[in-house]
Each structure stands twice: as structure tokens, then as C-alpha cells.
Amino acid sequence: MKLKTVLGLTTGLVTALTAGFASADAMADLEAAAKAEGMLTTIALPHDWCGYGAVIEGFKAKYPEISVNELNPDAGSADEIEAIRANKDNTGPQAPDVIDVGLAFGPSAKEEGLIQPYKVATWDEIPADVKDADGYWYGDYYGVMSLIVNKDLVENVPADWSDLLKPEYAGQVALAGDPRASNQAILGVMAAGMSSGAEPGEAAGTAGLDFFKQLNDAGNFVPVIGKAGTLAQGTTPIVVAWDYNALAWRDTLAGNPPVEIVVPATGVLAGVYVQAISAYAPHPNAAKLWMEYLYSDEGQTLWLQGYCHPARFNAMAAAGKIPQDLLDALPPAAAYEAAVFPTVDQVNANKAAVTGGWDATVGANVE
């Protein structure tokens, strides 16, 4: 089939797919169009984040005709948005086709016209409160904010946010990102603020900034982006990170050093990340096929294997599609019972407070 014919059919098949009744013929046409493009460009997908290494390999194994061009795996959500802006007129390898960003970045990217609508075949099983009704962005997975601790260097493992202010943690506490650009770090600040009793949103963001100012003034905060390597080396013995990242780092480190992962007693924040396709995607059909794969049973199970709760978790659990061993590998269900899921408005208000106030309030240049 000629490329022109394949791409012509794609318009019709998108209508079928977004209506939620992807036929075998429609999927076959999408696959053909994506294979004709031959490439998918991703950005900010570390292989140890939510099991993305296995997800990318799974996609490549299923569609060997499509090469995956991975840009800047350690980028933050703001960097992903900027990459779309900077490459509007660029069809080369630096232009991302798809993004995976924090919840606050979905609505703003839609408002700016940076993303395009698309609804996967399993659209109806994505909870309504974590997706745009028109299909511009859609929740992919969530986790809770946690502390991962190097037990070789930290004698007393902290149980809550307030513990981190103790003198014994001098020069030990780090965020897993720059709080001026990284969604993970921005929400880490809000979680700390929530632990003081502040409501999610601007109030918790402001309270979180005050907390990190105290942490920095006490000499406990380390202005280094925390990762598995810095944790192991002792540069950042305690890192504030999503539970799925912490669990993946634990597996990577394999006991050297031994680590403990703590869901704090208070300020238990659940964070949702969302997928979207660039409005300027050089490979739009490959991008749509990528989304179909991510939201298929296979893709969702791979995320769960990476310790994330996928968007279709409840529907798949009800249908008996989740292997018990994957459920058993997650932290105890009780750790999630107190989790708070902020609304989009609360996430946006916190983002504005944290990114706008970090330099003036905390004054630590995280890099």
C-alpha cells in the first residue's frame, strides 16, 4: 500500500478509534501508517521511571519497523513543553512526537495549542477526572510521594516530613528534580506543605516553600537532583521521590547500599501523570500507535510491573487482568489509604506558587 493511501485512510480510522470502537481494520490501517513513518520520538522517559525501559522495548518488539528516538531522558515536564515550542517548525529528530508530563501541564499545553486530541480504544476505562473530555491529554499512571533512604549512611530512618528538620539529617535531604521545572519536585514541595495541615493548592505550595526554607537554613537540604546514583554515592542519602521511582532504584541498587522506602505518615500526596501528542508531531500516526500500546492491557501491565498504578487499574482489576504477583510487589495497600489526589486547579495553583516562589523563599539552585 502506498504511503499516500495509508495516510489518507488514517483520517477515517482516527474517527473510528476516537469513537471507542477500534475495529481490526482501523487498527491495521493505523499500524500501516505508523510503520510508513518509521520513527517515534519520545522525550523525558528514563528507563527506570515507571518501567519505561520495558515499555519502550515492548513497543519496539511489537513494531520493529518503527525506531524509537529517545530525547533527553532526564528532562522535566517544563522541558518537554519547551521542546514542543522550540520545534514547531522542525520535523527533524529534536522534535518530540509525544510527551508524558505532570497533571498541571496538560491543561496549559492544551490552552497554548501545543497538543492535539486523540482518544485510544480503551478511552472509556480511563477515569473521567484524570482526562480531558476532548482527548487532548489523559492520565497514564499515578504514585505517591515517598522518601528513599540510604541505610548505610542514615542510622534512623525518618518516618515523616517533620523528621527531616532534625540536626541528624544535616546535608542529607534532596529532591528528585529542580522544583522550578520538575513536576516530581514541584509536588514534593506541596506534599511537605500538606504535612503541616495546609490544603492542597496554593496554601500547601506556600507552606512547602517555608518547609524547604527551614530545611535549607538548617543545612539539611542538598541542592542536587537526587537519583539512584547520588543516593548510592552518598551525595543525597535521603531523596524525595515518587514511590515507583524509589522502588525501581531499590531494585537497581540490589542491596548495595541497602535502602528503605517510606511513605510519610502525613502529607501523603498522590500524583497523576498524563500523556499527550504534540500538535506538531512529525510522526503523528506513530504517536497514536504509541498511545494505543500504552493503554492496551500489555502496556498497562508493564507500567504496573514498574510499580506504577496505571490509569486502567480499576477496570483491569475488576476484569481479573492483573497478575497477583504484581499486586504483591507494591507497597501495602494501607500506605495508599490516606493518599490525597489534588484537583487540576489545586495542582496548577501549587505549581504557580512553587515555581514562582522557590528562588525568593528557598534560594537554593537545584541542579
Protein backbone atom coordinates (compact mmCIF):
# COMPACT_ATOMS: atom_id res chain seq x y z
CA MET A 1 0.00 0.00 0.00
CA LYS A 2 1.40 3.41 -0.93
CA LEU A 3 2.18 5.92 1.78
CA LYS A 4 -0.28 8.47 0.39
CA THR A 5 -3.11 5.93 0.51
CA VAL A 6 -2.22 4.85 4.05
CA LEU A 7 -2.14 8.41 5.33
CA GLY A 8 -5.41 9.18 3.59
CA LEU A 9 -7.11 6.34 5.40
CA THR A 10 -5.75 7.49 8.72
CA THR A 11 -8.19 10.40 8.99
CA GLY A 12 -11.09 7.99 8.84
CA LEU A 13 -9.61 5.48 11.22
CA VAL A 14 -8.92 8.17 13.81
CA THR A 15 -12.64 8.88 13.85
CA ALA A 16 -13.31 5.21 14.49
CA LEU A 17 -10.68 4.93 17.17
CA THR A 18 -11.74 8.08 19.00
CA ALA A 19 -15.30 6.87 18.99
CA GLY A 20 -14.11 3.99 21.12
CA PHE A 21 -14.77 1.13 18.72
CA ALA A 22 -11.40 0.45 17.14
CA SER A 23 -12.03 -2.26 14.55
CA ALA A 24 -9.34 -4.66 13.45
CA ASP A 25 -9.26 -2.90 10.06
CA ALA A 26 -8.88 0.54 11.66
CA MET A 27 -6.01 -0.65 13.84
CA ALA A 28 -4.36 -2.31 10.86
CA ASP A 29 -4.53 0.94 8.93
CA LEU A 30 -3.07 2.89 11.84
CA GLU A 31 -0.25 0.35 12.17
CA ALA A 32 0.49 0.62 8.44
CA ALA A 33 0.57 4.41 8.57
CA ALA A 34 2.85 4.38 11.62
CA LYS A 35 5.21 1.85 10.04
CA ALA A 36 5.38 4.04 6.93
CA GLU A 37 6.56 6.93 9.11
CA GLY A 38 9.16 4.62 10.61
CA MET A 39 10.01 6.58 13.74
CA LEU A 40 8.64 7.73 17.09
CA THR A 41 10.37 10.48 19.07
CA THR A 42 9.91 10.44 22.83
CA ILE A 43 11.31 12.77 25.49
CA ALA A 44 11.96 12.61 29.23
CA LEU A 45 11.45 8.86 29.67
CA PRO A 46 14.16 7.44 31.98
CA HIS A 47 14.19 3.65 31.66
CA ASP A 48 13.88 3.20 35.43
CA TRP A 49 10.86 5.53 35.63
CA CYS A 50 7.61 3.57 35.87
CA GLY A 51 9.14 0.66 33.96
CA TYR A 52 9.60 2.72 30.81
CA GLY A 53 12.61 0.67 29.75
CA ALA A 54 10.42 -2.42 29.42
CA VAL A 55 7.59 -0.39 27.85
CA ILE A 56 9.85 1.01 25.13
CA GLU A 57 11.35 -2.41 24.45
CA GLY A 58 7.86 -3.91 24.31
CA PHE A 59 6.76 -1.35 21.72
CA LYS A 60 9.87 -1.92 19.61
CA ALA A 61 9.41 -5.68 19.78
CA LYS A 62 5.80 -5.40 18.64
CA TYR A 63 6.61 -2.84 15.92
CA PRO A 64 10.22 -3.45 14.80
CA GLU A 65 9.62 -1.29 11.73
CA ILE A 66 9.37 1.79 13.98
CA SER A 67 12.58 3.09 15.56
CA VAL A 68 12.29 4.91 18.88
CA ASN A 69 14.30 8.12 19.11
CA GLU A 70 14.71 8.97 22.80
CA LEU A 71 15.42 12.61 23.67
CA ASN A 72 16.83 13.84 27.00
CA PRO A 73 15.63 11.08 29.36
CA ASP A 74 16.26 13.21 32.48
CA ALA A 75 14.23 16.25 31.34
CA GLY A 76 11.38 17.64 33.45
CA SER A 77 7.81 18.37 32.39
CA ALA A 78 8.56 22.04 31.66
CA ASP A 79 11.43 20.96 29.41
CA GLU A 80 9.08 18.71 27.45
CA ILE A 81 6.68 21.59 26.83
CA GLU A 82 9.54 23.85 25.80
CA ALA A 83 10.78 21.19 23.37
CA ILE A 84 7.42 21.34 21.56
CA ARG A 85 7.51 25.15 21.48
CA ALA A 86 11.09 25.24 20.20
CA ASN A 87 10.45 22.73 17.42
CA LYS A 88 7.14 23.89 15.96
CA ASP A 89 8.67 24.23 12.50
CA ASN A 90 11.16 21.39 12.85
CA THR A 91 10.42 17.92 11.52
CA GLY A 92 13.85 16.63 12.48
CA PRO A 93 14.92 14.32 15.32
CA GLN A 94 14.78 17.04 18.01
CA ALA A 95 11.00 17.45 17.70
CA PRO A 96 9.09 15.24 20.18
CA ASP A 97 6.02 13.39 18.97
CA VAL A 98 4.68 12.58 22.43
CA ILE A 99 5.04 13.85 25.98
CA ASP A 100 4.50 12.44 29.47
CA VAL A 101 4.01 15.34 31.88
CA GLY A 102 2.59 16.21 35.27
CA LEU A 103 -1.15 16.82 35.51
CA ALA A 104 -0.79 20.61 35.68
CA PHE A 105 0.98 20.71 32.33
CA GLY A 106 -1.84 19.05 30.36
CA PRO A 107 -4.45 21.83 30.51
CA SER A 108 -1.86 24.58 30.00
CA ALA A 109 -0.42 22.81 26.95
CA LYS A 110 -3.92 22.48 25.51
CA GLU A 111 -4.62 26.17 26.17
CA GLU A 112 -1.42 27.09 24.34
CA GLY A 113 -2.30 24.91 21.35
CA LEU A 114 0.74 22.66 21.77
CA ILE A 115 -1.07 19.29 21.80
CA GLN A 116 -3.65 17.56 19.61
CA PRO A 117 -6.67 15.42 20.57
CA TYR A 118 -6.71 11.65 20.34
CA LYS A 119 -8.74 9.02 22.16
CA VAL A 120 -7.41 5.47 22.46
CA ALA A 121 -9.63 2.42 22.02
CA THR A 122 -9.75 1.89 25.81
CA TRP A 123 -10.72 5.53 26.45
CA ASP A 124 -13.82 4.68 28.48
CA GLU A 125 -11.71 2.85 31.11
CA ILE A 126 -9.61 5.95 31.88
CA PRO A 127 -11.24 7.72 34.87
CA ALA A 128 -13.06 10.87 33.80
CA ASP A 129 -11.40 13.08 36.42
CA VAL A 130 -7.91 12.46 35.00
CA LYS A 131 -8.56 13.11 31.31
CA ASP A 132 -9.59 15.97 29.07
CA ALA A 133 -13.10 15.41 27.77
CA ASP A 134 -11.98 16.29 24.24
CA GLY A 135 -8.98 13.95 24.31
CA TYR A 136 -6.14 16.47 24.40
CA TRP A 137 -4.50 14.85 27.45
CA TYR A 138 -5.20 11.74 29.50
CA GLY A 139 -3.93 10.24 32.75
CA ASP A 140 -1.49 7.39 32.37
CA TYR A 141 -0.37 6.36 35.89
CA TYR A 142 -0.03 7.57 39.45
CA GLY A 143 2.04 7.01 42.55
CA VAL A 144 2.55 8.60 45.96
CA MET A 145 5.39 10.79 47.20
CA SER A 146 7.88 8.88 49.30
CA LEU A 147 11.31 9.06 50.91
CA ILE A 148 14.06 6.67 49.84
CA VAL A 149 16.83 6.34 52.39
CA ASN A 150 20.41 5.02 52.17
CA LYS A 151 20.57 2.90 55.33
CA ASP A 152 24.36 2.70 55.25
CA LEU A 153 24.52 6.44 55.91
CA VAL A 154 21.27 7.16 57.74
CA GLU A 155 21.05 5.48 61.14
CA ASN A 156 17.48 6.49 61.99
CA VAL A 157 15.10 6.29 59.04
CA PRO A 158 12.71 9.30 59.08
CA ALA A 159 9.02 8.45 59.37
CA ASP A 160 7.51 11.79 58.45
CA TRP A 161 8.32 15.13 56.84
CA SER A 162 8.90 16.89 60.15
CA ASP A 163 11.68 14.42 61.00
CA LEU A 164 13.76 15.78 58.12
CA LEU A 165 14.34 19.01 60.06
CA LYS A 166 16.28 17.21 62.78
CA PRO A 167 20.03 18.04 63.04
CA GLU A 168 20.97 14.40 62.44
CA TYR A 169 19.94 14.79 58.78
CA ALA A 170 22.39 17.61 58.02
CA GLY A 171 23.44 17.59 54.37
CA GLN A 172 21.28 14.59 53.52
CA VAL A 173 17.89 15.58 52.03
CA ALA A 174 17.31 16.14 48.30
CA LEU A 175 14.51 16.43 45.78
CA ALA A 176 14.43 14.25 42.66
CA GLY A 177 14.31 17.26 40.36
CA ASP A 178 14.53 21.03 40.09
CA PRO A 179 11.42 22.47 41.80
CA ARG A 180 11.29 25.24 39.22
CA ALA A 181 10.79 22.79 36.34
CA SER A 182 10.28 19.20 37.53
CA ASN A 183 6.73 18.09 38.28
CA GLN A 184 8.04 15.46 40.70
CA ALA A 185 9.88 18.12 42.71
CA ILE A 186 7.07 20.68 42.50
CA LEU A 187 4.66 18.17 44.01
CA GLY A 188 7.27 17.07 46.55
CA VAL A 189 7.15 20.62 47.88
CA MET A 190 3.34 20.51 48.07
CA ALA A 191 3.40 17.19 49.93
CA ALA A 192 5.69 18.73 52.54
CA GLY A 193 3.29 21.65 52.87
CA MET A 194 0.29 19.34 53.20
CA SER A 195 2.02 17.62 56.12
CA SER A 196 1.67 20.86 58.10
CA GLY A 197 -2.10 20.78 57.61
CA ALA A 198 -2.25 23.15 54.62
CA GLU A 199 -4.87 22.47 51.97
CA PRO A 200 -3.62 21.20 48.59
CA GLY A 201 -3.01 24.06 46.19
CA GLU A 202 -1.51 27.48 46.78
CA ALA A 203 -1.66 27.12 50.57
CA ALA A 204 0.28 23.84 50.57
CA GLY A 205 2.72 25.18 47.99
CA THR A 206 3.47 28.20 50.16
CA ALA A 207 3.74 26.06 53.30
CA GLY A 208 6.02 23.67 51.40
CA LEU A 209 8.31 26.53 50.40
CA ASP A 210 8.52 27.56 54.06
CA PHE A 211 9.38 23.97 54.97
CA PHE A 212 12.20 23.77 52.43
CA LYS A 213 13.48 27.18 53.55
CA GLN A 214 13.76 25.77 57.06
CA LEU A 215 15.42 22.65 55.67
CA ASN A 216 17.88 24.74 53.67
CA ASP A 217 18.60 27.18 56.52
CA ALA A 218 19.30 24.22 58.81
CA GLY A 219 21.84 22.85 56.33
CA ASN A 220 19.84 19.66 55.77
CA PHE A 221 18.85 20.34 52.15
CA VAL A 222 21.20 19.28 49.37
CA PRO A 223 20.72 21.29 46.12
CA VAL A 224 21.48 18.28 43.91
CA ILE A 225 18.91 16.40 41.83
CA GLY A 226 18.56 13.06 43.61
CA LYS A 227 18.88 9.84 41.60
CA ALA A 228 19.82 6.24 42.29
CA GLY A 229 23.47 7.09 41.67
CA THR A 230 23.62 10.09 44.02
CA LEU A 231 21.76 8.08 46.65
CA ALA A 232 24.27 5.25 46.43
CA GLN A 233 27.29 7.57 46.35
CA GLY A 234 26.12 9.36 49.48
CA THR A 235 25.68 12.76 47.83
CA THR A 236 21.94 12.60 48.57
CA PRO A 237 21.33 9.94 51.27
CA ILE A 238 17.62 10.82 51.50
CA VAL A 239 15.64 11.59 48.34
CA VAL A 240 12.03 12.77 47.99
CA ALA A 241 10.67 10.81 45.01
CA TRP A 242 7.63 9.02 43.66
CA ASP A 243 7.24 5.58 45.20
CA TYR A 244 7.59 3.85 41.82
CA ASN A 245 10.91 5.58 41.16
CA ALA A 246 12.15 4.72 44.65
CA LEU A 247 11.13 1.07 44.22
CA ALA A 248 12.86 0.89 40.84
CA TRP A 249 16.04 2.41 42.31
CA ARG A 250 15.91 -0.17 45.09
CA ASP A 251 15.85 -2.94 42.50
CA THR A 252 18.68 -1.33 40.53
CA LEU A 253 20.86 -0.97 43.61
CA ALA A 254 20.16 -4.59 44.64
CA GLY A 255 21.16 -4.08 48.27
CA ASN A 256 24.29 -2.02 47.57
CA PRO A 257 23.59 0.07 49.54
CA PRO A 258 20.56 -1.21 51.45
CA VAL A 259 17.68 1.24 51.23
CA GLU A 260 14.32 1.77 52.88
CA ILE A 261 11.32 3.40 51.25
CA VAL A 262 8.93 5.34 53.45
CA VAL A 263 5.50 6.73 52.64
CA PRO A 264 5.36 9.62 55.15
CA ALA A 265 2.82 9.43 57.95
CA THR A 266 1.31 12.77 56.88
CA GLY A 267 1.17 14.71 53.65
CA VAL A 268 0.52 11.59 51.53
CA LEU A 269 0.23 13.02 48.05
CA ALA A 270 -0.83 11.01 45.00
CA GLY A 271 0.34 12.37 41.69
CA VAL A 272 -1.05 11.66 38.23
CA TYR A 273 0.98 11.99 35.05
CA VAL A 274 -0.64 12.48 31.67
CA GLN A 275 0.12 11.64 28.05
CA ALA A 276 -0.38 13.87 25.05
CA ILE A 277 0.60 14.09 21.38
CA SER A 278 2.38 17.18 20.11
CA ALA A 279 0.29 19.35 17.81
CA TYR A 280 3.40 19.49 15.62
CA ALA A 281 4.34 15.79 15.82
CA PRO A 282 6.49 14.81 12.82
CA HIS A 283 5.21 11.24 13.19
CA PRO A 284 1.54 11.62 14.22
CA ASN A 285 0.49 8.08 13.35
CA ALA A 286 3.38 6.53 15.25
CA ALA A 287 2.39 8.77 18.17
CA LYS A 288 -1.19 7.47 18.07
CA LEU A 289 0.01 3.87 17.83
CA TRP A 290 2.28 4.50 20.84
CA MET A 291 -0.76 5.69 22.81
CA GLU A 292 -2.73 2.61 21.77
CA TYR A 293 0.11 0.46 23.05
CA LEU A 294 0.43 2.34 26.36
CA TYR A 295 -3.28 1.96 27.10
CA SER A 296 -3.55 -1.64 25.97
CA ASP A 297 -3.56 -4.44 28.55
CA GLU A 298 0.09 -5.12 27.70
CA GLY A 299 1.23 -1.53 28.17
CA GLN A 300 -0.75 -1.01 31.36
CA THR A 301 0.63 -4.24 32.83
CA LEU A 302 4.19 -3.15 32.04
CA TRP A 303 3.64 0.09 33.95
CA LEU A 304 2.33 -1.90 36.89
CA GLN A 305 5.41 -4.08 36.63
CA GLY A 306 7.34 -0.82 37.04
CA TYR A 307 5.47 -0.20 40.35
CA CYS A 308 3.05 2.38 38.92
CA HIS A 309 -0.71 2.27 39.26
CA PRO A 310 -1.85 2.53 35.60
CA ALA A 311 -4.88 4.58 34.60
CA ARG A 312 -6.95 1.48 33.80
CA PHE A 313 -6.01 -0.22 37.08
CA ASN A 314 -9.55 -0.42 38.49
CA ALA A 315 -11.11 -1.68 35.27
CA MET A 316 -8.37 -4.26 34.73
CA ALA A 317 -8.55 -5.42 38.36
CA ALA A 318 -12.33 -5.86 38.08
CA ALA A 319 -11.82 -7.92 34.93
CA GLY A 320 -9.20 -10.12 36.62
CA LYS A 321 -6.46 -8.99 34.24
CA ILE A 322 -3.79 -8.10 36.82
CA PRO A 323 -1.33 -10.84 37.88
CA GLN A 324 -1.32 -11.33 41.64
CA ASP A 325 2.47 -11.22 41.83
CA LEU A 326 2.43 -7.65 40.52
CA LEU A 327 -0.09 -6.63 43.16
CA ASP A 328 2.02 -8.29 45.84
CA ALA A 329 5.12 -6.33 44.75
CA LEU A 330 3.52 -2.96 45.55
CA PRO A 331 3.73 -1.36 49.00
CA PRO A 332 0.90 -2.44 51.35
CA ALA A 333 -2.48 -1.06 50.35
CA ALA A 334 -2.67 0.71 53.72
CA ALA A 335 0.12 3.04 52.59
CA TYR A 336 -2.23 4.45 49.97
CA GLU A 337 -5.36 4.78 52.10
CA ALA A 338 -4.51 8.32 53.24
CA ALA A 339 -3.44 9.46 49.78
CA VAL A 340 -4.87 12.76 48.57
CA PHE A 341 -5.46 13.28 44.83
CA PRO A 342 -5.33 17.04 44.20
CA THR A 343 -7.60 18.50 41.55
CA VAL A 344 -6.21 20.06 38.38
CA ASP A 345 -6.90 23.53 39.81
CA GLN A 346 -5.05 22.67 43.03
CA VAL A 347 -2.10 21.26 41.11
CA ASN A 348 -1.97 24.40 38.95
CA ALA A 349 -2.16 26.70 41.97
CA ASN A 350 0.63 24.79 43.70
CA LYS A 351 2.77 24.85 40.55
CA ALA A 352 2.44 28.64 40.32
CA ALA A 353 3.30 29.10 43.99
CA VAL A 354 6.32 26.78 43.94
CA THR A 355 7.88 27.75 40.63
CA GLY A 356 7.25 31.43 41.26
CA GLY A 357 8.43 31.46 44.87
CA TRP A 358 11.29 28.95 45.13
CA ASP A 359 14.15 31.36 44.36
CA ALA A 360 12.88 34.12 46.63
CA THR A 361 11.86 31.88 49.53
CA VAL A 362 14.34 29.00 49.49
CA GLY A 363 17.12 30.38 47.32
CA ALA A 364 18.76 27.03 46.59
CA ASN A 365 19.82 26.44 42.98
CA VAL A 366 18.99 22.78 42.41
CA GLU A 367 20.92 21.14 39.57
